[in-house]
Amino acid sequence: LEYATIEYVVRHHFHYISTDVNINDGLNQKPSPAELVVETTLKAKKIHDERLVAQYHQMQRERLKARVVDFAWSAAGSVLGMAISYGIGRMLIGRQQQYGAYLTEREEH
């Protein structure tokens, strides 16, 4: 935060000095070389910052997509595990009931 604040103050201070100080005896009709440099630098910085913001947003979208995919695979794995557990449980219950019916039938004879 301190670095950003210092950078902001310095940039605007030099911009003020190069644009608002009357170098040509109050006429200031033509931009000075310092003004041109500052203007070009600020434009380049603005373009660079816009690119950084765009890249940041792209990375955020990619991270969100990755999290959604990870959550989807996790949920699918959980559902599959529950389905397998349910199937195995039903199968074991069915075998127990068949074995109980077999024992009951055997006792009757």
C-alpha atoms as a PDB file:
ATOM      1  CA  LEU A   1       0.000   0.000   0.000  1.00  0.00           C
ATOM      2  CA  GLU A   2       2.847   2.350   0.863  1.00  0.00           C
ATOM      3  CA  TYR A   3       4.618   1.627  -2.431  1.00  0.00           C
ATOM      4  CA  ALA A   4       1.428   2.236  -4.418  1.00  0.00           C
ATOM      5  CA  THR A   5       0.797   5.519  -2.608  1.00  0.00           C
ATOM      6  CA  ILE A   6       4.339   6.761  -3.192  1.00  0.00           C
ATOM      7  CA  GLU A   7       4.174   5.765  -6.855  1.00  0.00           C
ATOM      8  CA  TYR A   8       0.865   7.600  -7.273  1.00  0.00           C
ATOM      9  CA  VAL A   9       2.161  10.782  -5.623  1.00  0.00           C
ATOM     10  CA  VAL A  10       5.414  10.792  -7.588  1.00  0.00           C
ATOM     11  CA  ARG A  11       3.682  10.140 -10.907  1.00  0.00           C
ATOM     12  CA  HIS A  12       1.138  12.907 -10.397  1.00  0.00           C
ATOM     13  CA  HIS A  13       3.747  15.312  -9.011  1.00  0.00           C
ATOM     14  CA  PHE A  14       5.944  14.938 -12.087  1.00  0.00           C
ATOM     15  CA  HIS A  15       2.912  15.173 -14.318  1.00  0.00           C
ATOM     16  CA  TYR A  16       1.933  18.413 -12.569  1.00  0.00           C
ATOM     17  CA  ILE A  17       5.450  19.827 -12.865  1.00  0.00           C
ATOM     18  CA  SER A  18       5.727  18.949 -16.538  1.00  0.00           C
ATOM     19  CA  THR A  19       2.290  20.193 -17.570  1.00  0.00           C
ATOM     20  CA  ASP A  20       1.359  23.055 -15.257  1.00  0.00           C
ATOM     21  CA  VAL A  21       4.622  24.958 -14.914  1.00  0.00           C
ATOM     22  CA  ASN A  22       4.820  27.619 -17.606  1.00  0.00           C
ATOM     23  CA  ILE A  23       8.120  27.091 -19.328  1.00  0.00           C
ATOM     24  CA  ASN A  24       7.496  29.365 -22.319  1.00  0.00           C
ATOM     25  CA  ASP A  25       6.891  32.597 -20.384  1.00  0.00           C
ATOM     26  CA  GLY A  26       3.228  31.867 -19.768  1.00  0.00           C
ATOM     27  CA  LEU A  27       2.436  30.918 -23.366  1.00  0.00           C
ATOM     28  CA  ASN A  28       2.936  27.157 -23.018  1.00  0.00           C
ATOM     29  CA  GLN A  29       1.641  26.671 -26.548  1.00  0.00           C
ATOM     30  CA  LYS A  30       3.718  23.660 -27.459  1.00  0.00           C
ATOM     31  CA  PRO A  31       4.177  20.651 -25.177  1.00  0.00           C
ATOM     32  CA  SER A  32       7.616  20.386 -23.694  1.00  0.00           C
ATOM     33  CA  PRO A  33       9.700  17.244 -24.083  1.00  0.00           C
ATOM     34  CA  ALA A  34       8.973  16.450 -20.447  1.00  0.00           C
ATOM     35  CA  GLU A  35       5.239  16.694 -21.118  1.00  0.00           C
ATOM     36  CA  LEU A  36       5.555  14.365 -24.081  1.00  0.00           C
ATOM     37  CA  VAL A  37       7.572  11.863 -22.058  1.00  0.00           C
ATOM     38  CA  VAL A  38       5.117  11.958 -19.173  1.00  0.00           C
ATOM     39  CA  GLU A  39       2.125  11.639 -21.476  1.00  0.00           C
ATOM     40  CA  THR A  40       3.669   8.711 -23.338  1.00  0.00           C
ATOM     41  CA  THR A  41       4.707   7.054 -20.092  1.00  0.00           C
ATOM     42  CA  LEU A  42       1.254   7.453 -18.558  1.00  0.00           C
ATOM     43  CA  LYS A  43      -0.406   6.052 -21.687  1.00  0.00           C
ATOM     44  CA  ALA A  44       1.966   3.073 -21.686  1.00  0.00           C
ATOM     45  CA  LYS A  45       1.364   2.511 -17.986  1.00  0.00           C
ATOM     46  CA  LYS A  46      -2.391   2.701 -18.499  1.00  0.00           C
ATOM     47  CA  ILE A  47      -2.232   0.129 -21.303  1.00  0.00           C
ATOM     48  CA  HIS A  48      -0.005  -2.093 -19.173  1.00  0.00           C
ATOM     49  CA  ASP A  49      -2.355  -1.804 -16.184  1.00  0.00           C
ATOM     50  CA  GLU A  50      -5.366  -2.631 -18.383  1.00  0.00           C
ATOM     51  CA  ARG A  51      -3.563  -5.723 -19.648  1.00  0.00           C
ATOM     52  CA  LEU A  52      -2.689  -6.754 -16.110  1.00  0.00           C
ATOM     53  CA  VAL A  53      -6.310  -6.350 -15.027  1.00  0.00           C
ATOM     54  CA  ALA A  54      -7.496  -8.360 -18.031  1.00  0.00           C
ATOM     55  CA  GLN A  55      -4.985 -11.119 -17.257  1.00  0.00           C
ATOM     56  CA  TYR A  56      -6.043 -11.081 -13.612  1.00  0.00           C
ATOM     57  CA  HIS A  57      -9.697 -11.457 -14.562  1.00  0.00           C
ATOM     58  CA  GLN A  58      -8.804 -14.261 -16.991  1.00  0.00           C
ATOM     59  CA  MET A  59      -6.894 -16.067 -14.250  1.00  0.00           C
ATOM     60  CA  GLN A  60      -9.807 -15.614 -11.851  1.00  0.00           C
ATOM     61  CA  ARG A  61     -12.184 -17.130 -14.442  1.00  0.00           C
ATOM     62  CA  GLU A  62      -9.814 -20.055 -14.970  1.00  0.00           C
ATOM     63  CA  ARG A  63      -9.513 -20.623 -11.223  1.00  0.00           C
ATOM     64  CA  LEU A  64     -13.292 -20.526 -10.865  1.00  0.00           C
ATOM     65  CA  LYS A  65     -13.699 -23.021 -13.710  1.00  0.00           C
ATOM     66  CA  ALA A  66     -11.104 -25.295 -12.111  1.00  0.00           C
ATOM     67  CA  ARG A  67     -12.910 -25.111  -8.767  1.00  0.00           C
ATOM     68  CA  VAL A  68     -16.251 -25.907 -10.421  1.00  0.00           C
ATOM     69  CA  VAL A  69     -14.738 -28.876 -12.267  1.00  0.00           C
ATOM     70  CA  ASP A  70     -13.076 -30.090  -9.057  1.00  0.00           C
ATOM     71  CA  PHE A  71     -16.365 -29.778  -7.168  1.00  0.00           C
ATOM     72  CA  ALA A  72     -18.233 -31.598  -9.952  1.00  0.00           C
ATOM     73  CA  TRP A  73     -15.755 -34.496  -9.915  1.00  0.00           C
ATOM     74  CA  SER A  74     -15.902 -34.636  -6.123  1.00  0.00           C
ATOM     75  CA  ALA A  75     -19.712 -34.676  -6.132  1.00  0.00           C
ATOM     76  CA  ALA A  76     -19.787 -37.303  -8.896  1.00  0.00           C
ATOM     77  CA  GLY A  77     -17.335 -39.464  -6.944  1.00  0.00           C
ATOM     78  CA  SER A  78     -19.432 -39.143  -3.796  1.00  0.00           C
ATOM     79  CA  VAL A  79     -22.634 -40.041  -5.640  1.00  0.00           C
ATOM     80  CA  LEU A  80     -20.922 -43.007  -7.298  1.00  0.00           C
ATOM     81  CA  GLY A  81     -19.579 -44.181  -3.928  1.00  0.00           C
ATOM     82  CA  MET A  82     -23.036 -43.918  -2.381  1.00  0.00           C
ATOM     83  CA  ALA A  83     -24.570 -45.840  -5.297  1.00  0.00           C
ATOM     84  CA  ILE A  84     -21.981 -48.616  -5.020  1.00  0.00           C
ATOM     85  CA  SER A  85     -22.444 -48.811  -1.231  1.00  0.00           C
ATOM     86  CA  TYR A  86     -26.218 -48.937  -1.640  1.00  0.00           C
ATOM     87  CA  GLY A  87     -25.933 -51.659  -4.307  1.00  0.00           C
ATOM     88  CA  ILE A  88     -23.601 -53.756  -2.178  1.00  0.00           C
ATOM     89  CA  GLY A  89     -25.856 -53.287   0.866  1.00  0.00           C
ATOM     90  CA  ARG A  90     -28.966 -54.330  -1.075  1.00  0.00           C
ATOM     91  CA  MET A  91     -27.134 -57.350  -2.451  1.00  0.00           C
ATOM     92  CA  LEU A  92     -26.014 -58.434   1.028  1.00  0.00           C
ATOM     93  CA  ILE A  93     -29.506 -57.958   2.456  1.00  0.00           C
ATOM     94  CA  GLY A  94     -30.933 -60.038  -0.395  1.00  0.00           C
ATOM     95  CA  ARG A  95     -28.427 -62.825   0.254  1.00  0.00           C
ATOM     96  CA  GLN A  96     -29.209 -62.751   3.979  1.00  0.00           C
ATOM     97  CA  GLN A  97     -32.911 -63.045   3.261  1.00  0.00           C
ATOM     98  CA  GLN A  98     -32.305 -65.914   0.837  1.00  0.00           C
ATOM     99  CA  TYR A  99     -30.146 -67.688   3.398  1.00  0.00           C
ATOM    100  CA  GLY A 100     -32.804 -67.120   6.083  1.00  0.00           C
ATOM    101  CA  ALA A 101     -35.465 -68.525   3.755  1.00  0.00           C
ATOM    102  CA  TYR A 102     -33.197 -71.500   3.021  1.00  0.00           C
ATOM    103  CA  LEU A 103     -32.732 -72.212   6.738  1.00  0.00           C
ATOM    104  CA  THR A 104     -36.471 -71.874   7.379  1.00  0.00           C
ATOM    105  CA  GLU A 105     -37.248 -74.264   4.533  1.00  0.00           C
ATOM    106  CA  ARG A 106     -34.665 -76.757   5.782  1.00  0.00           C
ATOM    107  CA  GLU A 107     -36.088 -76.740   9.291  1.00  0.00           C
ATOM    108  CA  GLU A 108     -39.557 -77.467   7.964  1.00  0.00           C
ATOM    109  CA  HIS A 109     -38.409 -80.638   6.249  1.00  0.00           C
END
